[in-house]
Amino acid sequence: MDVEGGRKAYRSDLSDERWALVEPFISAWKARHRSVSGHSGRYPMREIVNAILYQERTGVQ
């Protein structure tokens, strides 16, 4: 399965169902912590969460 952006999905990636549970909290946090420069971010928040979960699962080599 491919993920938005063209990369292959990892086992640690959030399912759509789990993302639906987490996304409101992340969006609320992001709304309270806006960038001073107005930058909206280069990467989707879901991909950032997926990266954190991947690192947690595999460790830091």
C-alpha atoms as a PDB file:
ATOM      1  CA  MET A   1       0.000   0.000   0.000  1.00  0.00           C
ATOM      2  CA  ASP A   2       1.275   3.439  -0.878  1.00  0.00           C
ATOM      3  CA  VAL A   3       0.903   6.437   1.376  1.00  0.00           C
ATOM      4  CA  GLU A   4       0.204   9.981   0.217  1.00  0.00           C
ATOM      5  CA  GLY A   5       3.498  11.247  -1.137  1.00  0.00           C
ATOM      6  CA  GLY A   6       4.346   7.952  -2.842  1.00  0.00           C
ATOM      7  CA  ARG A   7       6.222   6.074  -0.128  1.00  0.00           C
ATOM      8  CA  LYS A   8       5.387   2.527   0.935  1.00  0.00           C
ATOM      9  CA  ALA A   9       3.395   2.204   4.163  1.00  0.00           C
ATOM     10  CA  TYR A  10       5.145   0.823   7.250  1.00  0.00           C
ATOM     11  CA  ARG A  11       3.497  -1.497   9.766  1.00  0.00           C
ATOM     12  CA  SER A  12       3.826   1.261  12.358  1.00  0.00           C
ATOM     13  CA  ASP A  13       1.803   3.782  10.258  1.00  0.00           C
ATOM     14  CA  LEU A  14      -1.506   4.896  11.670  1.00  0.00           C
ATOM     15  CA  SER A  15      -4.592   3.362  10.105  1.00  0.00           C
ATOM     16  CA  ASP A  16      -7.275   5.745   8.891  1.00  0.00           C
ATOM     17  CA  GLU A  17      -9.377   4.791  11.912  1.00  0.00           C
ATOM     18  CA  ARG A  18      -6.600   5.544  14.404  1.00  0.00           C
ATOM     19  CA  TRP A  19      -5.701   8.784  12.628  1.00  0.00           C
ATOM     20  CA  ALA A  20      -9.361   9.838  12.933  1.00  0.00           C
ATOM     21  CA  LEU A  21      -9.022   9.446  16.714  1.00  0.00           C
ATOM     22  CA  VAL A  22      -5.700  11.309  17.013  1.00  0.00           C
ATOM     23  CA  GLU A  23      -6.107  14.065  14.428  1.00  0.00           C
ATOM     24  CA  PRO A  24      -8.486  16.328  16.416  1.00  0.00           C
ATOM     25  CA  PHE A  25      -5.969  16.547  19.275  1.00  0.00           C
ATOM     26  CA  ILE A  26      -3.055  17.282  16.958  1.00  0.00           C
ATOM     27  CA  SER A  27      -5.026  19.894  15.027  1.00  0.00           C
ATOM     28  CA  ALA A  28      -6.080  21.587  18.277  1.00  0.00           C
ATOM     29  CA  TRP A  29      -2.473  21.618  19.520  1.00  0.00           C
ATOM     30  CA  LYS A  30      -1.230  22.997  16.211  1.00  0.00           C
ATOM     31  CA  ALA A  31      -3.896  25.747  16.277  1.00  0.00           C
ATOM     32  CA  ARG A  32      -2.660  26.848  19.737  1.00  0.00           C
ATOM     33  CA  HIS A  33       1.014  26.752  18.701  1.00  0.00           C
ATOM     34  CA  ARG A  34       1.125  28.699  15.465  1.00  0.00           C
ATOM     35  CA  SER A  35       4.424  29.508  13.833  1.00  0.00           C
ATOM     36  CA  VAL A  36       5.732  33.009  14.516  1.00  0.00           C
ATOM     37  CA  SER A  37       6.725  33.308  10.840  1.00  0.00           C
ATOM     38  CA  GLY A  38       3.343  32.047   9.639  1.00  0.00           C
ATOM     39  CA  HIS A  39       4.863  28.892   8.161  1.00  0.00           C
ATOM     40  CA  SER A  40       2.230  26.151   8.002  1.00  0.00           C
ATOM     41  CA  GLY A  41       4.689  23.270   7.898  1.00  0.00           C
ATOM     42  CA  ARG A  42       6.339  21.383   5.091  1.00  0.00           C
ATOM     43  CA  TYR A  43       5.064  17.912   5.996  1.00  0.00           C
ATOM     44  CA  PRO A  44       1.582  16.675   6.856  1.00  0.00           C
ATOM     45  CA  MET A  45       1.118  16.097  10.579  1.00  0.00           C
ATOM     46  CA  ARG A  46       0.064  12.499   9.925  1.00  0.00           C
ATOM     47  CA  GLU A  47       3.461  11.809   8.352  1.00  0.00           C
ATOM     48  CA  ILE A  48       5.230  13.355  11.343  1.00  0.00           C
ATOM     49  CA  VAL A  49       3.248  11.132  13.722  1.00  0.00           C
ATOM     50  CA  ASN A  50       4.009   8.121  11.514  1.00  0.00           C
ATOM     51  CA  ALA A  51       7.727   8.956  11.668  1.00  0.00           C
ATOM     52  CA  ILE A  52       7.624   9.170  15.470  1.00  0.00           C
ATOM     53  CA  LEU A  53       5.821   5.821  15.668  1.00  0.00           C
ATOM     54  CA  TYR A  54       8.317   4.230  13.274  1.00  0.00           C
ATOM     55  CA  GLN A  55      11.248   5.474  15.336  1.00  0.00           C
ATOM     56  CA  GLU A  56       9.593   4.226  18.521  1.00  0.00           C
ATOM     57  CA  ARG A  57       9.049   0.810  16.968  1.00  0.00           C
ATOM     58  CA  THR A  58      12.516   0.378  15.445  1.00  0.00           C
ATOM     59  CA  GLY A  59      14.659   2.357  17.867  1.00  0.00           C
ATOM     60  CA  VAL A  60      17.406   4.784  17.017  1.00  0.00           C
ATOM     61  CA  GLN A  61      20.206   2.985  15.212  1.00  0.00           C
END
